[in-house]
């Protein structure tokens, strides 16, 4: 009789533990799915921003902006490396 009671009690404890572990598993899956959805949302937002940057920095868009505002752009002067860079110059 005592053995049967101990087996039933042990089975009940194991069942409660297994149910608790399954609940933790379900909760973790929910959190992972929520984070995954947030990640996909942020990635889509980032892609939209990259598309907007590409549109605004396209050569034809830059040329149109320069033309609309009548800006005069000067080509940058080429940088000529010094022969003895870093060494003191002798007078």
Protein backbone atom coordinates (compact mmCIF):
# COMPACT_ATOMS: atom_id res chain seq x y z
CA UNK A 1 0.00 0.00 0.00
CA UNK A 2 2.79 2.38 0.92
CA UNK A 3 4.66 1.59 -2.30
CA UNK A 4 1.55 2.30 -4.37
CA UNK A 5 1.02 5.63 -2.61
CA UNK A 6 4.67 6.57 -3.18
CA UNK A 7 4.42 5.65 -6.88
CA UNK A 8 1.26 7.74 -7.32
CA UNK A 9 2.80 10.68 -5.49
CA UNK A 10 6.03 10.42 -7.50
CA UNK A 11 4.06 10.21 -10.74
CA UNK A 12 2.07 13.29 -9.80
CA UNK A 13 5.26 15.25 -8.99
CA UNK A 14 6.89 14.20 -12.27
CA UNK A 15 3.71 15.13 -14.17
CA UNK A 16 3.66 18.60 -12.58
CA UNK A 17 7.33 19.11 -13.43
CA UNK A 18 6.79 17.98 -17.02
CA UNK A 19 3.81 20.32 -17.39
CA UNK A 20 5.86 23.21 -15.99
CA UNK A 21 8.67 22.47 -18.46
CA UNK A 22 6.20 22.34 -21.35
CA UNK A 23 4.75 25.69 -20.27
CA UNK A 24 8.25 27.20 -20.19
CA UNK A 25 8.86 25.78 -23.66
CA UNK A 26 5.65 27.36 -24.98
CA UNK A 27 6.54 30.72 -23.39
CA UNK A 28 10.05 30.65 -24.84
CA UNK A 29 8.68 29.83 -28.30
CA UNK A 30 6.28 32.76 -28.00
CA UNK A 31 9.12 35.13 -27.05
CA UNK A 32 11.32 33.84 -29.88
CA UNK A 33 8.52 34.35 -32.41
CA UNK A 34 7.82 37.85 -31.08
CA UNK A 35 11.51 38.80 -31.30
CA UNK A 36 11.74 37.28 -34.77
CA UNK A 37 8.77 39.37 -35.93
CA UNK A 38 10.36 42.50 -34.45
CA UNK A 39 13.60 41.68 -36.23
CA UNK A 40 11.81 41.23 -39.56
CA UNK A 41 9.98 44.52 -39.03
CA UNK A 42 13.21 46.41 -38.29
CA UNK A 43 14.89 44.76 -41.28
CA UNK A 44 12.05 45.86 -43.58
CA UNK A 45 12.33 49.39 -42.17
CA UNK A 46 16.09 49.35 -42.79
CA UNK A 47 15.55 48.20 -46.38
CA UNK A 48 13.07 51.04 -46.92
CA UNK A 49 15.62 53.51 -45.59
CA UNK A 50 18.31 52.06 -47.87
CA UNK A 51 15.97 52.43 -50.86
CA UNK A 52 15.27 56.05 -49.93
CA UNK A 53 19.01 56.76 -49.61
CA UNK A 54 19.64 55.14 -52.99
CA UNK A 55 16.89 57.26 -54.56
CA UNK A 56 18.17 60.51 -53.08
CA UNK A 57 21.81 59.82 -53.93
CA UNK A 58 21.24 58.65 -57.50
CA UNK A 59 23.25 60.70 -60.01
CA UNK A 60 20.15 61.99 -61.79
CA UNK A 61 18.58 63.09 -58.47
CA UNK A 62 21.76 64.92 -57.48
CA UNK A 63 21.97 66.60 -60.89
CA UNK A 64 18.31 67.66 -60.65
CA UNK A 65 18.86 69.09 -57.14
CA UNK A 66 21.94 70.99 -58.26
CA UNK A 67 20.01 72.33 -61.26
CA UNK A 68 16.98 73.37 -59.20
CA UNK A 69 19.05 75.32 -56.71
CA UNK A 70 21.48 76.60 -59.34
CA UNK A 71 24.49 75.49 -57.35
CA UNK A 72 27.90 75.79 -58.88
CA UNK A 73 29.98 72.82 -58.03
CA UNK A 74 33.74 72.90 -58.34
CA UNK A 75 35.70 69.75 -58.89
CA UNK A 76 37.97 68.97 -55.96
CA UNK A 77 41.66 69.63 -56.42
CA UNK A 78 43.70 66.46 -56.64
CA UNK A 79 45.89 65.81 -53.65
CA UNK A 80 49.51 65.50 -54.69
CA UNK A 81 51.51 63.40 -52.24
CA UNK A 82 54.69 64.99 -51.00
CA UNK A 83 57.92 63.22 -51.85
CA UNK A 84 59.21 63.14 -48.29
CA UNK A 85 55.99 62.96 -46.37
CA UNK A 86 56.60 63.22 -42.66
CA UNK A 87 60.16 64.46 -42.97
CA UNK A 88 61.08 68.05 -42.14
CA UNK A 89 61.44 70.31 -45.14
CA UNK A 90 64.91 71.85 -45.59
CA UNK A 91 64.99 75.57 -46.35
